[in-house]
Amino acid sequence: MNVFMNYIALSAISNLQATGASILTAMQLLGIISAAIAFGIGAYHLIWGGVRGRQSSLVWFIGGSVGLVVLMGATAIAEYIDSQVVF
């Protein structure tokens, strides 16, 4: 009976890890799309923004790039945590 309970617990943990990985992948896809939109808005402000166009476009460029770096780095952080945690 104890072996069966260990199998169920390991199966549940494996399912949670797979679900977390798929959610992270979906978030990264949405993050890439969001960063592309942010870069497009920043380019619009840079081209058509007039006198304050460069200043307002920098916010979009920096925000999009920092968000993209953090979101893409989440996979490395998740893999590191997964390698350190032992059940």
Protein backbone atom coordinates (compact mmCIF):
# COMPACT_ATOMS: atom_id res chain seq x y z
CA MET A 1 0.00 0.00 0.00
CA ASN A 2 2.87 2.36 0.82
CA VAL A 3 4.42 1.86 -2.64
CA PHE A 4 1.09 2.72 -4.25
CA MET A 5 0.83 5.97 -2.25
CA ASN A 6 4.38 6.94 -3.23
CA TYR A 7 3.50 6.32 -6.88
CA ILE A 8 0.42 8.55 -6.62
CA ALA A 9 2.43 11.32 -4.92
CA LEU A 10 5.19 11.18 -7.55
CA SER A 11 2.60 11.14 -10.32
CA ALA A 12 0.89 14.23 -8.87
CA ILE A 13 4.21 16.06 -8.57
CA SER A 14 5.10 15.14 -12.14
CA ASN A 15 1.72 16.40 -13.36
CA LEU A 16 2.20 19.68 -11.46
CA GLN A 17 5.65 20.16 -13.00
CA ALA A 18 4.29 19.52 -16.49
CA THR A 19 1.41 21.93 -15.91
CA GLY A 20 3.78 24.62 -14.63
CA ALA A 21 6.05 24.17 -17.65
CA SER A 22 3.15 24.48 -20.09
CA ILE A 23 1.83 27.59 -18.31
CA LEU A 24 5.31 29.14 -18.43
CA THR A 25 5.59 28.38 -22.14
CA ALA A 26 2.20 29.99 -22.80
CA MET A 27 3.19 33.04 -20.75
CA GLN A 28 6.40 33.37 -22.75
CA LEU A 29 4.47 33.29 -26.02
CA LEU A 30 2.15 36.02 -24.78
CA GLY A 31 5.19 37.95 -23.51
CA ILE A 32 6.83 37.88 -26.94
CA ILE A 33 3.63 39.17 -28.52
CA SER A 34 3.28 41.87 -25.85
CA ALA A 35 6.90 42.96 -26.31
CA ALA A 36 6.39 43.23 -30.07
CA ILE A 37 3.33 45.41 -29.48
CA ALA A 38 5.28 47.56 -26.98
CA PHE A 39 8.12 48.00 -29.48
CA GLY A 40 5.59 48.97 -32.14
CA ILE A 41 4.00 51.57 -29.87
CA GLY A 42 7.45 52.88 -28.99
CA ALA A 43 8.34 53.16 -32.66
CA TYR A 44 5.09 55.02 -33.31
CA HIS A 45 5.94 57.52 -30.56
CA LEU A 46 9.49 57.85 -31.87
CA ILE A 47 8.39 58.56 -35.43
CA TRP A 48 5.23 60.60 -34.92
CA GLY A 49 5.67 61.85 -31.34
CA GLY A 50 7.02 65.24 -32.18
CA VAL A 51 9.20 67.04 -29.70
CA ARG A 52 8.55 64.62 -26.82
CA GLY A 53 8.46 61.52 -29.02
CA ARG A 54 11.88 60.20 -28.08
CA GLN A 55 11.21 60.63 -24.37
CA SER A 56 7.89 58.78 -24.50
CA SER A 57 9.24 56.04 -26.78
CA LEU A 58 12.07 55.17 -24.38
CA VAL A 59 9.53 54.11 -21.76
CA TRP A 60 7.98 51.60 -24.20
CA PHE A 61 11.34 50.29 -25.41
CA ILE A 62 12.80 49.80 -21.93
CA GLY A 63 9.60 48.32 -20.52
CA GLY A 64 9.23 45.86 -23.38
CA SER A 65 12.84 44.73 -23.26
CA VAL A 66 13.04 44.38 -19.46
CA GLY A 67 9.76 42.47 -19.38
CA LEU A 68 10.96 40.16 -22.14
CA VAL A 69 14.27 39.46 -20.39
CA VAL A 70 12.53 38.68 -17.09
CA LEU A 71 9.96 36.42 -18.75
CA MET A 72 12.56 34.53 -20.78
CA GLY A 73 14.73 34.16 -17.68
CA ALA A 74 11.82 32.55 -15.83
CA THR A 75 12.56 29.23 -17.56
CA ALA A 76 16.12 29.20 -16.23
CA ILE A 77 14.90 30.08 -12.74
CA ALA A 78 12.25 27.34 -12.86
CA GLU A 79 14.80 24.75 -14.03
CA TYR A 80 17.20 25.77 -11.26
CA ILE A 81 14.50 25.46 -8.61
CA ASP A 82 13.43 22.10 -10.06
CA SER A 83 17.00 20.79 -9.83
CA GLN A 84 17.39 21.94 -6.21
CA VAL A 85 14.09 20.64 -4.79
CA VAL A 86 14.04 16.95 -3.87
CA PHE A 87 10.90 15.13 -2.79
